[in-house]
Amino acid sequence: MTDAPRVTVERDGHVLLIGFNRPEKRNAADLQLLQELSLAYGELERDPELRAGFVFAHGDHFTGGLDLADVGPRIGPDGLDMVPEGGINPWQVSGEHITKPVVMAVQGTCLTLGIELMLASDIVVAADSTVFGQIEVARGILPFGGATIRFPRAVGWGNAIRWILTGDSFPVTEAYRIGLVQEVVPHGEQYARGLELAQRIAAQAPPRGAGCAGERPPGSARRGCRGRTLPSAQPGAARPERRRPDRHGGLRDPPAGSLHRTVALNGSRKSCPPMT
């Protein structure tokens, strides 16, 4: 690891401020950034004085996605070892899950793992400059940070699969329309508004006998999938990834070989990289 931190961590009362800090690379995530981000999430979860997290990015862009030149060679048969001791996977597709609310502020370019981090969070404020893209399909890899489950659940099958299967970029107006972001503000105001919301959340009285958000039961939802394990990893749980809504609101099995049938999201499919 280099001496310069890839992730800044600062406390503001009961809020932990977590900042992507690789602006010269559009905050592309290398292994150091992934590990430092995991440790920050672990700190947020463990410290009883912290009641909410606020994730943002230094510079003009939130993230250009995964730094494949750095991370690619490190992916082995069991995926990528990116969570050090004391850390929590920020995308929460395996291991311990965070129980405290997380607010995000995004701007500029927000690709792949940035969208998946939004889907694993609770509230997202976006600058009007933000452009999104779930572009793994253009790289010949799979979204493995939870997008194949959380994206359709959060915004609806068609609204999600339109962008997952084409890899097209989409503007903040579309992200707001489908519910991927909750507020849109002028560029430069996203940090202040996001922090304001995080502080507002942290100022509320926490439930008795629990942390700020408390223990969520298995199967409870965060942006469509929030719980101790993803649905496909729960013994005896229904597998919604095998079924998708039809146009009348019901559920039906997709054709064999479709996206949901072939992608396991609990980290057990070793042939797929863990995230993009």
Protein backbone atom coordinates (compact mmCIF):
# COMPACT_ATOMS: atom_id res chain seq x y z
CA MET A 1 0.00 0.00 0.00
CA THR A 2 1.12 3.55 -0.58
CA ASP A 3 1.41 6.11 2.21
CA ALA A 4 -1.44 8.26 0.87
CA PRO A 5 -4.81 7.03 2.14
CA ARG A 6 -7.25 5.95 -0.53
CA VAL A 7 -10.14 6.53 1.86
CA THR A 8 -10.43 9.41 4.31
CA VAL A 9 -12.18 8.73 7.61
CA GLU A 10 -13.40 11.53 9.86
CA ARG A 11 -15.92 11.86 12.67
CA ASP A 12 -18.54 14.56 12.87
CA GLY A 13 -20.45 13.93 16.07
CA HIS A 14 -22.27 10.62 15.68
CA VAL A 15 -21.61 10.47 11.92
CA LEU A 16 -18.62 8.75 10.31
CA LEU A 17 -17.50 10.54 7.12
CA ILE A 18 -16.00 8.10 4.60
CA GLY A 19 -14.43 9.66 1.50
CA PHE A 20 -13.07 8.05 -1.67
CA ASN A 21 -9.67 9.71 -2.06
CA ARG A 22 -8.12 8.87 -5.41
CA PRO A 23 -9.30 11.84 -7.48
CA GLU A 24 -6.37 11.67 -9.92
CA LYS A 25 -7.78 8.30 -11.10
CA ARG A 26 -11.45 9.33 -10.93
CA ASN A 27 -11.56 7.41 -7.66
CA ALA A 28 -11.17 4.08 -9.43
CA ALA A 29 -11.04 1.37 -6.80
CA ASP A 30 -7.76 -0.48 -6.45
CA LEU A 31 -7.15 -3.08 -3.75
CA GLN A 32 -5.94 -0.47 -1.26
CA LEU A 33 -9.11 1.56 -1.64
CA LEU A 34 -11.29 -1.54 -1.28
CA GLN A 35 -9.50 -2.62 1.88
CA GLU A 36 -9.56 0.83 3.47
CA LEU A 37 -13.25 1.20 2.64
CA SER A 38 -13.94 -2.16 4.27
CA LEU A 39 -12.12 -1.08 7.43
CA ALA A 40 -14.10 2.16 7.56
CA TYR A 41 -17.37 0.20 7.39
CA GLY A 42 -16.09 -2.04 10.17
CA GLU A 43 -15.37 1.00 12.33
CA LEU A 44 -18.84 2.39 11.67
CA GLU A 45 -20.46 -0.87 12.74
CA ARG A 46 -18.38 -1.51 15.87
CA ASP A 47 -18.35 1.94 17.48
CA PRO A 48 -21.50 2.47 19.59
CA GLU A 49 -21.01 6.25 19.41
CA LEU A 50 -21.47 6.22 15.66
CA ARG A 51 -25.09 6.24 14.49
CA ALA A 52 -24.81 6.82 10.74
CA GLY A 53 -22.30 6.76 7.92
CA PHE A 54 -21.81 9.31 5.16
CA VAL A 55 -19.98 8.15 2.03
CA PHE A 56 -18.74 10.69 -0.52
CA ALA A 57 -15.86 11.22 -2.93
CA HIS A 58 -13.11 13.82 -3.16
CA GLY A 59 -12.73 15.46 -6.56
CA ASP A 60 -15.08 15.84 -9.51
CA HIS A 61 -16.12 12.19 -9.81
CA PHE A 62 -17.51 9.59 -7.45
CA THR A 63 -15.85 6.57 -9.04
CA GLY A 64 -14.77 5.24 -12.41
CA GLY A 65 -15.39 1.71 -11.12
CA LEU A 66 -12.88 -1.03 -10.46
CA ASP A 67 -9.21 -0.50 -11.33
CA LEU A 68 -8.91 -3.73 -13.31
CA ALA A 69 -5.19 -3.26 -13.95
CA ASP A 70 -4.55 -3.41 -10.20
CA VAL A 71 -7.31 -5.74 -9.04
CA GLY A 72 -7.58 -8.15 -11.98
CA PRO A 73 -4.30 -10.02 -11.38
CA ARG A 74 -5.24 -10.44 -7.70
CA ILE A 75 -8.47 -12.33 -8.38
CA GLY A 76 -7.94 -16.00 -7.65
CA PRO A 77 -10.11 -19.14 -7.73
CA ASP A 78 -11.89 -17.95 -4.58
CA GLY A 79 -12.38 -14.39 -5.78
CA LEU A 80 -10.75 -11.30 -4.31
CA ASP A 81 -9.59 -11.10 -0.71
CA MET A 82 -10.50 -7.46 -0.04
CA VAL A 83 -11.80 -7.44 3.54
CA PRO A 84 -9.02 -7.23 6.16
CA GLU A 85 -9.55 -8.34 9.74
CA GLY A 86 -11.93 -5.90 11.40
CA GLY A 87 -13.51 -4.84 8.12
CA ILE A 88 -16.96 -5.36 6.60
CA ASN A 89 -17.63 -5.84 2.90
CA PRO A 90 -19.20 -2.48 1.96
CA TRP A 91 -21.29 -4.16 -0.75
CA GLN A 92 -22.53 -6.68 1.84
CA VAL A 93 -22.71 -9.65 -0.49
CA SER A 94 -20.90 -11.85 2.03
CA GLY A 95 -19.82 -11.90 5.65
CA GLU A 96 -21.04 -9.52 8.34
CA HIS A 97 -23.62 -6.90 7.42
CA ILE A 98 -23.78 -3.33 8.66
CA THR A 99 -26.78 -2.40 10.81
CA LYS A 100 -26.44 1.38 10.74
CA PRO A 101 -27.85 3.78 8.12
CA VAL A 102 -25.57 4.94 5.33
CA VAL A 103 -26.14 8.11 3.29
CA MET A 104 -24.22 8.70 0.06
CA ALA A 105 -23.43 11.76 -2.04
CA VAL A 106 -22.34 11.20 -5.64
CA GLN A 107 -21.21 13.43 -8.49
CA GLY A 108 -19.61 13.29 -11.93
CA THR A 109 -18.89 9.76 -13.12
CA CYS A 110 -20.45 6.97 -11.07
CA LEU A 111 -19.87 3.54 -12.57
CA THR A 112 -20.40 -0.12 -11.66
CA LEU A 113 -19.34 -0.60 -8.03
CA GLY A 114 -20.48 2.97 -7.31
CA ILE A 115 -24.04 2.08 -8.29
CA GLU A 116 -23.80 -1.16 -6.33
CA LEU A 117 -22.61 0.72 -3.27
CA MET A 118 -25.61 3.04 -3.64
CA LEU A 119 -27.88 -0.01 -3.75
CA ALA A 120 -26.27 -1.31 -0.55
CA SER A 121 -26.85 2.06 1.15
CA ASP A 122 -30.02 3.78 2.37
CA ILE A 123 -30.25 7.32 0.94
CA VAL A 124 -28.45 8.79 -2.06
CA VAL A 125 -28.07 12.48 -2.92
CA ALA A 126 -26.77 13.10 -6.44
CA ALA A 127 -25.33 16.21 -8.06
CA ASP A 128 -27.01 17.21 -11.31
CA SER A 129 -23.67 16.50 -13.01
CA THR A 130 -23.79 12.78 -12.26
CA VAL A 131 -23.71 10.20 -15.04
CA PHE A 132 -24.22 6.54 -14.17
CA GLY A 133 -23.23 3.30 -15.89
CA GLN A 134 -23.46 -0.40 -15.07
CA ILE A 135 -20.92 -1.22 -17.77
CA GLU A 136 -19.69 -4.71 -16.85
CA VAL A 137 -21.33 -6.19 -19.94
CA ALA A 138 -18.98 -4.12 -22.11
CA ARG A 139 -16.01 -5.62 -20.26
CA GLY A 140 -17.24 -9.19 -20.56
CA ILE A 141 -17.68 -9.64 -16.81
CA LEU A 142 -20.64 -9.82 -14.43
CA PRO A 143 -21.87 -7.27 -11.88
CA PHE A 144 -20.95 -9.08 -8.69
CA GLY A 145 -21.49 -6.41 -6.05
CA GLY A 146 -25.19 -7.19 -5.77
CA ALA A 147 -26.58 -5.36 -8.80
CA THR A 148 -28.22 -8.40 -10.39
CA ILE A 149 -30.48 -8.74 -7.33
CA ARG A 150 -30.66 -5.25 -5.84
CA PHE A 151 -30.97 -3.18 -9.00
CA PRO A 152 -34.16 -4.91 -10.28
CA ARG A 153 -35.64 -4.99 -6.79
CA ALA A 154 -34.96 -1.32 -6.16
CA VAL A 155 -36.18 0.12 -9.47
CA GLY A 156 -38.11 -2.66 -11.23
CA TRP A 157 -37.04 -5.32 -13.70
CA GLY A 158 -37.23 -3.32 -16.92
CA ASN A 159 -35.71 -0.16 -15.46
CA ALA A 160 -32.70 -2.13 -14.22
CA ILE A 161 -32.15 -4.65 -16.99
CA ARG A 162 -32.26 -1.85 -19.59
CA TRP A 163 -28.96 -0.56 -18.22
CA ILE A 164 -27.40 -3.85 -17.04
CA LEU A 165 -27.67 -5.57 -20.42
CA THR A 166 -26.70 -2.63 -22.63
CA GLY A 167 -23.98 -1.01 -20.54
CA ASP A 168 -25.32 2.38 -21.65
CA SER A 169 -24.70 5.40 -19.47
CA PHE A 170 -27.71 7.24 -18.06
CA PRO A 171 -28.17 10.73 -16.61
CA VAL A 172 -29.17 11.73 -13.12
CA THR A 173 -32.69 12.58 -14.31
CA GLU A 174 -33.20 8.90 -15.21
CA ALA A 175 -31.64 7.76 -11.92
CA TYR A 176 -34.09 9.97 -10.05
CA ARG A 177 -37.05 8.86 -12.17
CA ILE A 178 -36.49 5.18 -11.41
CA GLY A 179 -35.73 5.79 -7.73
CA LEU A 180 -32.02 4.99 -7.74
CA VAL A 181 -31.35 8.37 -6.10
CA GLN A 182 -33.61 10.20 -3.66
CA GLU A 183 -32.53 13.83 -4.18
CA VAL A 184 -30.83 15.79 -6.96
CA VAL A 185 -29.01 19.02 -6.15
CA PRO A 186 -26.77 21.42 -8.09
CA HIS A 187 -23.19 20.21 -8.54
CA GLY A 188 -21.14 21.15 -5.50
CA GLU A 189 -24.07 20.98 -3.07
CA GLN A 190 -24.30 17.18 -2.81
CA TYR A 191 -21.79 16.92 0.03
CA ALA A 192 -23.51 19.47 2.27
CA ARG A 193 -26.97 18.02 1.63
CA GLY A 194 -25.85 14.44 2.17
CA LEU A 195 -24.09 15.31 5.40
CA GLU A 196 -27.15 17.24 6.55
CA LEU A 197 -29.31 14.15 6.09
CA ALA A 198 -26.79 11.91 7.86
CA GLN A 199 -26.64 14.30 10.80
CA ARG A 200 -30.43 14.47 10.90
CA ILE A 201 -30.61 10.67 11.07
CA ALA A 202 -27.91 10.47 13.74
CA ALA A 203 -29.74 13.05 15.87
CA GLN A 204 -32.75 10.75 16.31
CA ALA A 205 -33.02 8.56 19.39
CA PRO A 206 -31.62 5.06 18.72
CA PRO A 207 -33.83 2.06 19.60
CA ARG A 208 -33.37 0.78 23.13
CA GLY A 209 -31.03 -2.16 23.41
CA ALA A 210 -29.60 -1.72 19.95
CA GLY A 211 -27.23 0.41 17.94
CA CYS A 212 -28.58 3.21 15.81
CA ALA A 213 -30.36 1.00 13.31
CA GLY A 214 -30.43 -2.11 15.48
CA GLU A 215 -30.40 -5.72 14.34
CA ARG A 216 -32.34 -6.29 11.15
CA PRO A 217 -33.91 -9.72 10.81
CA PRO A 218 -32.76 -12.03 8.00
CA GLY A 219 -34.48 -11.18 4.73
CA SER A 220 -35.16 -7.54 5.63
CA ALA A 221 -34.49 -5.13 2.81
CA ARG A 222 -31.90 -2.44 2.16
CA ARG A 223 -32.53 -0.97 -1.24
CA GLY A 224 -34.30 -4.20 -2.15
CA CYS A 225 -31.98 -6.63 -0.37
CA ARG A 226 -30.81 -5.82 3.16
CA GLY A 227 -30.28 -8.54 5.70
CA ARG A 228 -27.83 -10.90 7.31
CA THR A 229 -27.39 -12.84 4.08
CA LEU A 230 -28.52 -12.38 0.52
CA PRO A 231 -31.65 -14.40 -0.29
CA SER A 232 -29.76 -17.00 -2.30
CA ALA A 233 -27.55 -17.71 0.72
CA GLN A 234 -30.34 -18.25 3.23
CA PRO A 235 -31.08 -21.91 3.93
CA GLY A 236 -34.62 -22.71 2.93
CA ALA A 237 -35.30 -19.19 1.66
CA ALA A 238 -37.17 -18.48 -1.54
CA ARG A 239 -34.95 -17.63 -4.47
CA PRO A 240 -36.36 -14.48 -6.07
CA GLU A 241 -33.41 -14.32 -8.46
CA ARG A 242 -35.04 -17.18 -10.39
CA ARG A 243 -38.25 -15.28 -10.99
CA ARG A 244 -39.07 -11.86 -12.34
CA PRO A 245 -42.24 -9.77 -12.55
CA ASP A 246 -44.39 -10.12 -15.63
CA ARG A 247 -46.20 -7.12 -17.06
CA HIS A 248 -49.23 -7.82 -14.85
CA GLY A 249 -47.22 -7.69 -11.61
CA GLY A 250 -46.98 -11.46 -11.10
CA LEU A 251 -43.84 -13.59 -11.04
CA ARG A 252 -42.71 -16.05 -13.66
CA ASP A 253 -39.61 -18.12 -14.29
CA PRO A 254 -37.27 -16.63 -16.91
CA PRO A 255 -35.92 -18.77 -19.74
CA ALA A 256 -33.07 -21.14 -18.96
CA GLY A 257 -29.72 -19.38 -19.14
CA SER A 258 -31.12 -15.96 -18.29
CA LEU A 259 -29.19 -13.51 -16.13
CA HIS A 260 -30.89 -14.29 -12.84
CA ARG A 261 -30.72 -18.05 -13.30
CA THR A 262 -26.99 -18.11 -13.96
CA VAL A 263 -25.66 -15.57 -11.46
CA ALA A 264 -25.18 -16.60 -7.85
CA LEU A 265 -24.81 -13.62 -5.51
CA ASN A 266 -23.58 -15.26 -2.33
CA GLY A 267 -20.00 -15.57 -3.52
CA SER A 268 -20.26 -19.31 -4.16
CA ARG A 269 -19.87 -19.17 -7.97
CA LYS A 270 -16.09 -19.19 -8.15
CA SER A 271 -15.90 -18.63 -11.87
CA CYS A 272 -17.21 -15.08 -11.50
CA PRO A 273 -15.22 -12.12 -10.15
CA PRO A 274 -16.57 -10.74 -6.85
CA MET A 275 -17.39 -7.23 -8.08
CA THR A 276 -16.73 -4.64 -10.75
